[in-house]
């Protein structure tokens, strides 16, 4: 069984990866091609931070928030995986892991 502490750590790692990917995507030559990746990086970073905070304060909605976090992490990971940039591939891997951990926490 996943503990809050373990899930919080994974969410914070995912938030960091998404923020790094977001920043790196903005430096790419064809930023328009990266628009959906950038959008999902921001959304994923935000929900991961929110999920970590919800678990830290033992919110009664933590499981539901983790469920939503899993959906957004999956979408972000799927989008990042479409791009060959190292930062996108790294982010995709971490997002997929976070999606799995949050799904476990939500169940």
PDB file of N, CA and C in Angstrom:
ATOM      1  N   UNK A   1       0.843  -1.197   0.000  1.00  0.00           N
ATOM      2  CA  UNK A   1       0.000   0.000   0.000  1.00  0.00           C
ATOM      3  C   UNK A   1       0.881   1.250   0.000  1.00  0.00           C
ATOM      4  N   UNK A   2       0.595   2.130  -0.921  1.00  0.00           N
ATOM      5  CA  UNK A   2       1.321   3.396  -1.049  1.00  0.00           C
ATOM      6  C   UNK A   2       0.967   4.311   0.129  1.00  0.00           C
ATOM      7  N   UNK A   3       1.978   4.938   0.702  1.00  0.00           N
ATOM      8  CA  UNK A   3       1.709   5.898   1.780  1.00  0.00           C
ATOM      9  C   UNK A   3       1.606   7.298   1.201  1.00  0.00           C
ATOM     10  N   UNK A   4       0.978   8.185   1.949  1.00  0.00           N
ATOM     11  CA  UNK A   4       0.900   9.584   1.534  1.00  0.00           C
ATOM     12  C   UNK A   4       2.306  10.136   1.285  1.00  0.00           C
ATOM     13  N   UNK A   5       3.243   9.813   2.199  1.00  0.00           N
ATOM     14  CA  UNK A   5       4.595  10.358   2.083  1.00  0.00           C
ATOM     15  C   UNK A   5       5.243   9.955   0.755  1.00  0.00           C
ATOM     16  N   UNK A   6       5.069   8.702   0.354  1.00  0.00           N
ATOM     17  CA  UNK A   6       5.634   8.229  -0.915  1.00  0.00           C
ATOM     18  C   UNK A   6       4.965   8.924  -2.099  1.00  0.00           C
ATOM     19  N   UNK A   7       3.668   9.040  -2.053  1.00  0.00           N
ATOM     20  CA  UNK A   7       2.929   9.671  -3.148  1.00  0.00           C
ATOM     21  C   UNK A   7       3.259  11.163  -3.224  1.00  0.00           C
ATOM     22  N   UNK A   8       3.383  11.818  -2.094  1.00  0.00           N
ATOM     23  CA  UNK A   8       3.758  13.235  -2.065  1.00  0.00           C
ATOM     24  C   UNK A   8       5.104  13.422  -2.757  1.00  0.00           C
ATOM     25  N   UNK A   9       6.071  12.562  -2.428  1.00  0.00           N
ATOM     26  CA  UNK A   9       7.401  12.668  -3.016  1.00  0.00           C
ATOM     27  C   UNK A   9       7.346  12.514  -4.538  1.00  0.00           C
ATOM     28  N   UNK A  10       6.583  11.544  -5.016  1.00  0.00           N
ATOM     29  CA  UNK A  10       6.452  11.322  -6.461  1.00  0.00           C
ATOM     30  C   UNK A  10       5.767  12.518  -7.119  1.00  0.00           C
ATOM     31  N   UNK A  11       4.736  13.053  -6.487  1.00  0.00           N
ATOM     32  CA  UNK A  11       4.048  14.230  -7.036  1.00  0.00           C
ATOM     33  C   UNK A  11       4.990  15.430  -7.127  1.00  0.00           C
ATOM     34  N   UNK A  12       5.810  15.625  -6.110  1.00  0.00           N
ATOM     35  CA  UNK A  12       6.742  16.754  -6.128  1.00  0.00           C
ATOM     36  C   UNK A  12       7.812  16.565  -7.206  1.00  0.00           C
ATOM     37  N   UNK A  13       8.270  15.334  -7.396  1.00  0.00           N
ATOM     38  CA  UNK A  13       9.234  15.054  -8.466  1.00  0.00           C
ATOM     39  C   UNK A  13       8.601  15.316  -9.830  1.00  0.00           C
ATOM     40  N   UNK A  14       7.347  14.946  -9.986  1.00  0.00           N
ATOM     41  CA  UNK A  14       6.645  15.157 -11.241  1.00  0.00           C
ATOM     42  C   UNK A  14       6.433  16.654 -11.484  1.00  0.00           C
ATOM     43  N   UNK A  15       6.076  17.377 -10.446  1.00  0.00           N
ATOM     44  CA  UNK A  15       5.907  18.820 -10.565  1.00  0.00           C
ATOM     45  C   UNK A  15       7.207  19.466 -11.054  1.00  0.00           C
ATOM     46  N   UNK A  16       8.316  19.052 -10.484  1.00  0.00           N
ATOM     47  CA  UNK A  16       9.621  19.592 -10.885  1.00  0.00           C
ATOM     48  C   UNK A  16       9.942  19.242 -12.341  1.00  0.00           C
ATOM     49  N   UNK A  17       9.706  17.998 -12.724  1.00  0.00           N
ATOM     50  CA  UNK A  17       9.973  17.575 -14.104  1.00  0.00           C
ATOM     51  C   UNK A  17       9.119  18.356 -15.093  1.00  0.00           C
ATOM     52  N   UNK A  18       7.851  18.561 -14.755  1.00  0.00           N
ATOM     53  CA  UNK A  18       6.950  19.313 -15.639  1.00  0.00           C
ATOM     54  C   UNK A  18       7.364  20.776 -15.740  1.00  0.00           C
ATOM     55  N   UNK A  19       7.768  21.369 -14.624  1.00  0.00           N
ATOM     56  CA  UNK A  19       8.231  22.755 -14.662  1.00  0.00           C
ATOM     57  C   UNK A  19       9.498  22.885 -15.505  1.00  0.00           C
ATOM     58  N   UNK A  20      10.407  21.918 -15.376  1.00  0.00           N
ATOM     59  CA  UNK A  20      11.624  21.937 -16.184  1.00  0.00           C
ATOM     60  C   UNK A  20      11.307  21.746 -17.663  1.00  0.00           C
ATOM     61  N   UNK A  21      10.399  20.830 -17.973  1.00  0.00           N
ATOM     62  CA  UNK A  21      10.012  20.568 -19.357  1.00  0.00           C
ATOM     63  C   UNK A  21       9.337  21.803 -19.950  1.00  0.00           C
ATOM     64  N   UNK A  22       8.458  22.411 -19.182  1.00  0.00           N
ATOM     65  CA  UNK A  22       7.767  23.632 -19.608  1.00  0.00           C
ATOM     66  C   UNK A  22       8.777  24.704 -20.001  1.00  0.00           C
ATOM     67  N   UNK A  23       9.731  24.933 -19.122  1.00  0.00           N
ATOM     68  CA  UNK A  23      10.744  25.957 -19.361  1.00  0.00           C
ATOM     69  C   UNK A  23      11.594  25.615 -20.590  1.00  0.00           C
ATOM     70  N   UNK A  24      11.984  24.355 -20.710  1.00  0.00           N
ATOM     71  CA  UNK A  24      12.809  23.928 -21.856  1.00  0.00           C
ATOM     72  C   UNK A  24      12.021  23.999 -23.164  1.00  0.00           C
ATOM     73  N   UNK A  25      10.736  23.645 -23.126  1.00  0.00           N
ATOM     74  CA  UNK A  25       9.903  23.704 -24.331  1.00  0.00           C
ATOM     75  C   UNK A  25       9.808  25.137 -24.868  1.00  0.00           C
ATOM     76  N   UNK A  26       9.783  26.096 -23.959  1.00  0.00           N
ATOM     77  CA  UNK A  26       9.705  27.497 -24.377  1.00  0.00           C
ATOM     78  C   UNK A  26      10.967  27.943 -25.110  1.00  0.00           C
ATOM     79  N   UNK A  27      12.061  27.187 -24.942  1.00  0.00           N
ATOM     80  CA  UNK A  27      13.322  27.522 -25.602  1.00  0.00           C
ATOM     81  C   UNK A  27      13.491  26.815 -26.952  1.00  0.00           C
ATOM     82  N   UNK A  28      12.564  25.907 -27.269  1.00  0.00           N
ATOM     83  CA  UNK A  28      12.670  25.170 -28.530  1.00  0.00           C
ATOM     84  C   UNK A  28      12.401  26.095 -29.707  1.00  0.00           C
ATOM     85  N   UNK A  29      12.967  25.735 -30.877  1.00  0.00           N
ATOM     86  CA  UNK A  29      12.821  26.580 -32.069  1.00  0.00           C
ATOM     87  C   UNK A  29      11.363  26.726 -32.500  1.00  0.00           C
ATOM     88  N   UNK A  30      10.632  25.624 -32.547  1.00  0.00           N
ATOM     89  CA  UNK A  30       9.231  25.673 -32.979  1.00  0.00           C
ATOM     90  C   UNK A  30       8.320  25.579 -31.756  1.00  0.00           C
ATOM     91  N   UNK A  31       8.166  26.704 -31.071  1.00  0.00           N
ATOM     92  CA  UNK A  31       7.358  26.738 -29.842  1.00  0.00           C
ATOM     93  C   UNK A  31       5.901  26.379 -30.144  1.00  0.00           C
ATOM     94  N   UNK A  32       5.407  26.767 -31.319  1.00  0.00           N
ATOM     95  CA  UNK A  32       4.017  26.438 -31.665  1.00  0.00           C
ATOM     96  C   UNK A  32       3.794  24.936 -31.683  1.00  0.00           C
ATOM     97  N   UNK A  33       4.790  24.183 -32.160  1.00  0.00           N
ATOM     98  CA  UNK A  33       4.670  22.729 -32.179  1.00  0.00           C
ATOM     99  C   UNK A  33       4.612  22.165 -30.751  1.00  0.00           C
ATOM    100  N   UNK A  34       5.171  22.901 -29.800  1.00  0.00           N
ATOM    101  CA  UNK A  34       5.246  22.448 -28.408  1.00  0.00           C
ATOM    102  C   UNK A  34       4.078  22.955 -27.559  1.00  0.00           C
ATOM    103  N   UNK A  35       3.126  23.643 -28.177  1.00  0.00           N
ATOM    104  CA  UNK A  35       2.068  24.324 -27.416  1.00  0.00           C
ATOM    105  C   UNK A  35       1.301  23.390 -26.487  1.00  0.00           C
ATOM    106  N   UNK A  36       0.889  22.231 -26.982  1.00  0.00           N
ATOM    107  CA  UNK A  36       0.104  21.314 -26.140  1.00  0.00           C
ATOM    108  C   UNK A  36       0.969  20.732 -25.025  1.00  0.00           C
ATOM    109  N   UNK A  37       2.220  20.473 -25.330  1.00  0.00           N
ATOM    110  CA  UNK A  37       3.148  19.975 -24.313  1.00  0.00           C
ATOM    111  C   UNK A  37       3.309  21.029 -23.207  1.00  0.00           C
ATOM    112  N   UNK A  38       3.511  22.261 -23.609  1.00  0.00           N
ATOM    113  CA  UNK A  38       3.662  23.360 -22.652  1.00  0.00           C
ATOM    114  C   UNK A  38       2.402  23.497 -21.799  1.00  0.00           C
ATOM    115  N   UNK A  39       1.242  23.466 -22.446  1.00  0.00           N
ATOM    116  CA  UNK A  39      -0.036  23.603 -21.735  1.00  0.00           C
ATOM    117  C   UNK A  39      -0.197  22.478 -20.695  1.00  0.00           C
ATOM    118  N   UNK A  40       0.069  21.242 -21.111  1.00  0.00           N
ATOM    119  CA  UNK A  40      -0.100  20.117 -20.191  1.00  0.00           C
ATOM    120  C   UNK A  40       0.971  20.095 -19.104  1.00  0.00           C
ATOM    121  N   UNK A  41       2.189  20.531 -19.434  1.00  0.00           N
ATOM    122  CA  UNK A  41       3.225  20.645 -18.390  1.00  0.00           C
ATOM    123  C   UNK A  41       2.747  21.548 -17.266  1.00  0.00           C
ATOM    124  N   UNK A  42       2.162  22.689 -17.617  1.00  0.00           N
ATOM    125  CA  UNK A  42       1.681  23.631 -16.601  1.00  0.00           C
ATOM    126  C   UNK A  42       0.549  23.011 -15.782  1.00  0.00           C
ATOM    127  N   UNK A  43      -0.401  22.409 -16.485  1.00  0.00           N
ATOM    128  CA  UNK A  43      -1.549  21.825 -15.790  1.00  0.00           C
ATOM    129  C   UNK A  43      -1.111  20.684 -14.870  1.00  0.00           C
ATOM    130  N   UNK A  44      -0.200  19.875 -15.363  1.00  0.00           N
ATOM    131  CA  UNK A  44       0.289  18.736 -14.575  1.00  0.00           C
ATOM    132  C   UNK A  44       1.073  19.215 -13.350  1.00  0.00           C
ATOM    133  N   UNK A  45       1.948  20.186 -13.541  1.00  0.00           N
ATOM    134  CA  UNK A  45       2.706  20.718 -12.401  1.00  0.00           C
ATOM    135  C   UNK A  45       1.759  21.264 -11.329  1.00  0.00           C
ATOM    136  N   UNK A  46       0.728  21.978 -11.770  1.00  0.00           N
ATOM    137  CA  UNK A  46      -0.231  22.563 -10.824  1.00  0.00           C
ATOM    138  C   UNK A  46      -0.981  21.482 -10.036  1.00  0.00           C
ATOM    139  N   UNK A  47      -1.494  20.462 -10.728  1.00  0.00           N
ATOM    140  CA  UNK A  47      -2.275  19.432 -10.030  1.00  0.00           C
ATOM    141  C   UNK A  47      -1.375  18.584  -9.137  1.00  0.00           C
ATOM    142  N   UNK A  48      -0.139  18.355  -9.556  1.00  0.00           N
ATOM    143  CA  UNK A  48       0.782  17.588  -8.702  1.00  0.00           C
ATOM    144  C   UNK A  48       1.069  18.342  -7.407  1.00  0.00           C
ATOM    145  N   UNK A  49       1.280  19.647  -7.525  1.00  0.00           N
ATOM    146  CA  UNK A  49       1.493  20.464  -6.323  1.00  0.00           C
ATOM    147  C   UNK A  49       0.270  20.480  -5.428  1.00  0.00           C
ATOM    148  N   UNK A  50      -0.900  20.598  -6.053  1.00  0.00           N
ATOM    149  CA  UNK A  50      -2.150  20.608  -5.298  1.00  0.00           C
ATOM    150  C   UNK A  50      -2.396  19.265  -4.615  1.00  0.00           C
ATOM    151  N   UNK A  51      -2.126  18.173  -5.329  1.00  0.00           N
ATOM    152  CA  UNK A  51      -2.313  16.833  -4.751  1.00  0.00           C
ATOM    153  C   UNK A  51      -1.380  16.634  -3.561  1.00  0.00           C
ATOM    154  N   UNK A  52      -0.132  17.066  -3.702  1.00  0.00           N
ATOM    155  CA  UNK A  52       0.823  16.938  -2.591  1.00  0.00           C
ATOM    156  C   UNK A  52       0.327  17.725  -1.372  1.00  0.00           C
ATOM    157  N   UNK A  53      -0.156  18.930  -1.606  1.00  0.00           N
ATOM    158  CA  UNK A  53      -0.674  19.741  -0.498  1.00  0.00           C
ATOM    159  C   UNK A  53      -1.899  19.097   0.139  1.00  0.00           C
ATOM    160  N   UNK A  54      -2.776  18.544  -0.679  1.00  0.00           N
ATOM    161  CA  UNK A  54      -3.983  17.896  -0.150  1.00  0.00           C
ATOM    162  C   UNK A  54      -3.609  16.727   0.752  1.00  0.00           C
ATOM    163  N   UNK A  55      -2.625  15.949   0.317  1.00  0.00           N
ATOM    164  CA  UNK A  55      -2.191  14.819   1.146  1.00  0.00           C
ATOM    165  C   UNK A  55      -1.486  15.306   2.408  1.00  0.00           C
ATOM    166  N   UNK A  56      -0.689  16.370   2.288  1.00  0.00           N
ATOM    167  CA  UNK A  56       0.025  16.901   3.457  1.00  0.00           C
ATOM    168  C   UNK A  56      -0.939  17.386   4.535  1.00  0.00           C
ATOM    169  N   UNK A  57      -2.067  17.927   4.117  1.00  0.00           N
ATOM    170  CA  UNK A  57      -3.030  18.421   5.117  1.00  0.00           C
ATOM    171  C   UNK A  57      -4.133  17.402   5.402  1.00  0.00           C
ATOM    172  N   UNK A  58      -3.949  16.190   4.874  1.00  0.00           N
ATOM    173  CA  UNK A  58      -4.885  15.096   5.131  1.00  0.00           C
ATOM    174  C   UNK A  58      -6.312  15.470   4.717  1.00  0.00           C
ATOM    175  N   UNK A  59      -6.421  16.105   3.556  1.00  0.00           N
ATOM    176  CA  UNK A  59      -7.726  16.511   3.034  1.00  0.00           C
ATOM    177  C   UNK A  59      -8.639  15.301   2.863  1.00  0.00           C
ATOM    178  N   UNK A  60      -9.891  15.489   3.154  1.00  0.00           N
ATOM    179  CA  UNK A  60     -10.847  14.388   2.960  1.00  0.00           C
ATOM    180  C   UNK A  60     -11.059  14.105   1.478  1.00  0.00           C
ATOM    181  N   UNK A  61     -10.597  14.988   0.603  1.00  0.00           N
ATOM    182  CA  UNK A  61     -10.723  14.813  -0.845  1.00  0.00           C
ATOM    183  C   UNK A  61      -9.426  14.339  -1.498  1.00  0.00           C
ATOM    184  N   UNK A  62      -8.431  13.972  -0.692  1.00  0.00           N
ATOM    185  CA  UNK A  62      -7.105  13.614  -1.228  1.00  0.00           C
ATOM    186  C   UNK A  62      -7.189  12.492  -2.266  1.00  0.00           C
ATOM    187  N   UNK A  63      -7.987  11.475  -2.005  1.00  0.00           N
ATOM    188  CA  UNK A  63      -8.086  10.358  -2.964  1.00  0.00           C
ATOM    189  C   UNK A  63      -8.672  10.826  -4.292  1.00  0.00           C
ATOM    190  N   UNK A  64      -9.697  11.649  -4.223  1.00  0.00           N
ATOM    191  CA  UNK A  64     -10.311  12.160  -5.452  1.00  0.00           C
ATOM    192  C   UNK A  64      -9.341  13.059  -6.218  1.00  0.00           C
ATOM    193  N   UNK A  65      -8.609  13.897  -5.487  1.00  0.00           N
ATOM    194  CA  UNK A  65      -7.622  14.779  -6.116  1.00  0.00           C
ATOM    195  C   UNK A  65      -6.517  13.943  -6.756  1.00  0.00           C
ATOM    196  N   UNK A  66      -6.097  12.887  -6.087  1.00  0.00           N
ATOM    197  CA  UNK A  66      -5.085  11.990  -6.666  1.00  0.00           C
ATOM    198  C   UNK A  66      -5.623  11.310  -7.932  1.00  0.00           C
ATOM    199  N   UNK A  67      -6.915  11.006  -7.954  1.00  0.00           N
ATOM    200  CA  UNK A  67      -7.519  10.423  -9.153  1.00  0.00           C
ATOM    201  C   UNK A  67      -7.454  11.370 -10.332  1.00  0.00           C
ATOM    202  N   UNK A  68      -7.769  12.646 -10.088  1.00  0.00           N
ATOM    203  CA  UNK A  68      -7.682  13.656 -11.142  1.00  0.00           C
ATOM    204  C   UNK A  68      -6.217  13.861 -11.540  1.00  0.00           C
ATOM    205  N   UNK A  69      -5.339  13.862 -10.561  1.00  0.00           N
ATOM    206  CA  UNK A  69      -3.906  14.013 -10.827  1.00  0.00           C
ATOM    207  C   UNK A  69      -3.423  12.896 -11.754  1.00  0.00           C
ATOM    208  N   UNK A  70      -3.874  11.689 -11.512  1.00  0.00           N
ATOM    209  CA  UNK A  70      -3.475  10.549 -12.353  1.00  0.00           C
ATOM    210  C   UNK A  70      -3.901  10.762 -13.805  1.00  0.00           C
ATOM    211  N   UNK A  71      -5.107  11.266 -14.009  1.00  0.00           N
ATOM    212  CA  UNK A  71      -5.622  11.508 -15.365  1.00  0.00           C
ATOM    213  C   UNK A  71      -4.775  12.554 -16.082  1.00  0.00           C
ATOM    214  N   UNK A  72      -4.456  13.643 -15.385  1.00  0.00           N
ATOM    215  CA  UNK A  72      -3.679  14.724 -15.998  1.00  0.00           C
ATOM    216  C   UNK A  72      -2.235  14.285 -16.218  1.00  0.00           C
ATOM    217  N   UNK A  73      -1.655  13.565 -15.268  1.00  0.00           N
ATOM    218  CA  UNK A  73      -0.284  13.061 -15.447  1.00  0.00           C
ATOM    219  C   UNK A  73      -0.212  12.127 -16.646  1.00  0.00           C
ATOM    220  N   UNK A  74      -1.204  11.280 -16.811  1.00  0.00           N
ATOM    221  CA  UNK A  74      -1.234  10.368 -17.953  1.00  0.00           C
ATOM    222  C   UNK A  74      -1.277  11.158 -19.258  1.00  0.00           C
ATOM    223  N   UNK A  75      -2.139  12.171 -19.316  1.00  0.00           N
ATOM    224  CA  UNK A  75      -2.256  12.996 -20.526  1.00  0.00           C
ATOM    225  C   UNK A  75      -0.953  13.731 -20.812  1.00  0.00           C
ATOM    226  N   UNK A  76      -0.329  14.272 -19.783  1.00  0.00           N
ATOM    227  CA  UNK A  76       0.927  15.001 -19.958  1.00  0.00           C
ATOM    228  C   UNK A  76       2.030  14.048 -20.410  1.00  0.00           C
ATOM    229  N   UNK A  77       2.101  12.892 -19.776  1.00  0.00           N
ATOM    230  CA  UNK A  77       3.101  11.903 -20.160  1.00  0.00           C
ATOM    231  C   UNK A  77       2.920  11.437 -21.589  1.00  0.00           C
ATOM    232  N   UNK A  78       1.686  11.223 -21.995  1.00  0.00           N
ATOM    233  CA  UNK A  78       1.405  10.799 -23.368  1.00  0.00           C
ATOM    234  C   UNK A  78       1.835  11.869 -24.362  1.00  0.00           C
ATOM    235  N   UNK A  79       1.568  13.139 -24.047  1.00  0.00           N
ATOM    236  CA  UNK A  79       1.952  14.238 -24.942  1.00  0.00           C
ATOM    237  C   UNK A  79       3.472  14.389 -24.997  1.00  0.00           C
ATOM    238  N   UNK A  80       4.109  14.386 -23.836  1.00  0.00           N
ATOM    239  CA  UNK A  80       5.570  14.542 -23.809  1.00  0.00           C
ATOM    240  C   UNK A  80       6.264  13.414 -24.574  1.00  0.00           C
ATOM    241  N   UNK A  81       5.704  12.219 -24.508  1.00  0.00           N
ATOM    242  CA  UNK A  81       6.309  11.058 -25.177  1.00  0.00           C
ATOM    243  C   UNK A  81       6.332  11.230 -26.700  1.00  0.00           C
ATOM    244  N   UNK A  82       5.492  12.111 -27.233  1.00  0.00           N
ATOM    245  CA  UNK A  82       5.447  12.344 -28.680  1.00  0.00           C
ATOM    246  C   UNK A  82       6.655  13.141 -29.176  1.00  0.00           C
ATOM    247  N   UNK A  83       7.364  13.787 -28.266  1.00  0.00           N
ATOM    248  CA  UNK A  83       8.474  14.672 -28.638  1.00  0.00           C
ATOM    249  C   UNK A  83       9.808  14.013 -28.299  1.00  0.00           C
ATOM    250  N   UNK A  84      10.782  14.184 -29.171  1.00  0.00           N
ATOM    251  CA  UNK A  84      12.077  13.508 -29.012  1.00  0.00           C
ATOM    252  C   UNK A  84      13.034  14.221 -28.069  1.00  0.00           C
ATOM    253  N   UNK A  85      12.736  15.438 -27.685  1.00  0.00           N
ATOM    254  CA  UNK A  85      13.638  16.191 -26.811  1.00  0.00           C
ATOM    255  C   UNK A  85      13.873  15.418 -25.511  1.00  0.00           C
ATOM    256  N   UNK A  86      15.096  15.474 -25.010  1.00  0.00           N
ATOM    257  CA  UNK A  86      15.434  14.766 -23.769  1.00  0.00           C
ATOM    258  C   UNK A  86      14.533  15.197 -22.615  1.00  0.00           C
ATOM    259  N   UNK A  87      14.272  16.504 -22.516  1.00  0.00           N
ATOM    260  CA  UNK A  87      13.444  16.982 -21.404  1.00  0.00           C
ATOM    261  C   UNK A  87      12.025  16.437 -21.511  1.00  0.00           C
ATOM    262  N   UNK A  88      11.504  16.284 -22.722  1.00  0.00           N
ATOM    263  CA  UNK A  88      10.162  15.722 -22.892  1.00  0.00           C
ATOM    264  C   UNK A  88      10.146  14.234 -22.558  1.00  0.00           C
ATOM    265  N   UNK A  89      11.159  13.504 -22.999  1.00  0.00           N
ATOM    266  CA  UNK A  89      11.223  12.071 -22.710  1.00  0.00           C
ATOM    267  C   UNK A  89      11.362  11.823 -21.206  1.00  0.00           C
ATOM    268  N   UNK A  90      12.183  12.626 -20.553  1.00  0.00           N
ATOM    269  CA  UNK A  90      12.353  12.521 -19.098  1.00  0.00           C
ATOM    270  C   UNK A  90      11.024  12.818 -18.390  1.00  0.00           C
ATOM    271  N   UNK A  91      10.359  13.882 -18.819  1.00  0.00           N
ATOM    272  CA  UNK A  91       9.088  14.270 -18.222  1.00  0.00           C
ATOM    273  C   UNK A  91       8.032  13.177 -18.443  1.00  0.00           C
ATOM    274  N   UNK A  92       8.005  12.619 -19.651  1.00  0.00           N
ATOM    275  CA  UNK A  92       7.027  11.561 -19.962  1.00  0.00           C
ATOM    276  C   UNK A  92       7.175  10.391 -18.998  1.00  0.00           C
ATOM    277  N   UNK A  93       8.412   9.985 -18.760  1.00  0.00           N
ATOM    278  CA  UNK A  93       8.684   8.844 -17.871  1.00  0.00           C
ATOM    279  C   UNK A  93       8.198   9.136 -16.448  1.00  0.00           C
ATOM    280  N   UNK A  94       8.514  10.316 -15.950  1.00  0.00           N
ATOM    281  CA  UNK A  94       8.118  10.674 -14.583  1.00  0.00           C
ATOM    282  C   UNK A  94       6.601  10.842 -14.483  1.00  0.00           C
ATOM    283  N   UNK A  95       5.990  11.436 -15.503  1.00  0.00           N
ATOM    284  CA  UNK A  95       4.525  11.594 -15.496  1.00  0.00           C
ATOM    285  C   UNK A  95       3.814  10.237 -15.484  1.00  0.00           C
ATOM    286  N   UNK A  96       4.322   9.292 -16.268  1.00  0.00           N
ATOM    287  CA  UNK A  96       3.717   7.958 -16.298  1.00  0.00           C
ATOM    288  C   UNK A  96       3.818   7.298 -14.914  1.00  0.00           C
ATOM    289  N   UNK A  97       4.977   7.448 -14.289  1.00  0.00           N
ATOM    290  CA  UNK A  97       5.160   6.879 -12.944  1.00  0.00           C
ATOM    291  C   UNK A  97       4.206   7.545 -11.944  1.00  0.00           C
ATOM    292  N   UNK A  98       4.107   8.860 -12.011  1.00  0.00           N
ATOM    293  CA  UNK A  98       3.222   9.592 -11.090  1.00  0.00           C
ATOM    294  C   UNK A  98       1.759   9.198 -11.323  1.00  0.00           C
ATOM    295  N   UNK A  99       1.381   9.030 -12.599  1.00  0.00           N
ATOM    296  CA  UNK A  99       0.011   8.612 -12.905  1.00  0.00           C
ATOM    297  C   UNK A  99      -0.291   7.265 -12.241  1.00  0.00           C
ATOM    298  N   UNK A 100       0.650   6.332 -12.325  1.00  0.00           N
ATOM    299  CA  UNK A 100       0.457   5.017 -11.710  1.00  0.00           C
ATOM    300  C   UNK A 100       0.358   5.106 -10.190  1.00  0.00           C
ATOM    301  N   UNK A 101       1.233   5.889  -9.586  1.00  0.00           N
ATOM    302  CA  UNK A 101       1.238   6.038  -8.128  1.00  0.00           C
ATOM    303  C   UNK A 101      -0.064   6.710  -7.656  1.00  0.00           C
ATOM    304  N   UNK A 102      -0.479   7.754  -8.364  1.00  0.00           N
ATOM    305  CA  UNK A 102      -1.711   8.453  -7.971  1.00  0.00           C
ATOM    306  C   UNK A 102      -2.945   7.587  -8.186  1.00  0.00           C
ATOM    307  N   UNK A 103      -2.923   6.765  -9.243  1.00  0.00           N
ATOM    308  CA  UNK A 103      -4.043   5.818  -9.452  1.00  0.00           C
ATOM    309  C   UNK A 103      -4.124   4.860  -8.267  1.00  0.00           C
ATOM    310  N   UNK A 104      -2.973   4.366  -7.833  1.00  0.00           N
ATOM    311  CA  UNK A 104      -2.954   3.473  -6.665  1.00  0.00           C
ATOM    312  C   UNK A 104      -3.488   4.181  -5.421  1.00  0.00           C
ATOM    313  N   UNK A 105      -3.067   5.424  -5.238  1.00  0.00           N
ATOM    314  CA  UNK A 105      -3.503   6.188  -4.060  1.00  0.00           C
ATOM    315  C   UNK A 105      -5.011   6.440  -4.104  1.00  0.00           C
ATOM    316  N   UNK A 106      -5.541   6.656  -5.296  1.00  0.00           N
ATOM    317  CA  UNK A 106      -6.967   6.969  -5.442  1.00  0.00           C
ATOM    318  C   UNK A 106      -7.862   5.732  -5.250  1.00  0.00           C
ATOM    319  N   UNK A 107      -7.278   4.569  -5.421  1.00  0.00           N
ATOM    320  CA  UNK A 107      -8.110   3.350  -5.343  1.00  0.00           C
ATOM    321  C   UNK A 107      -8.275   2.857  -3.910  1.00  0.00           C
TER     322      UNK A 107
END
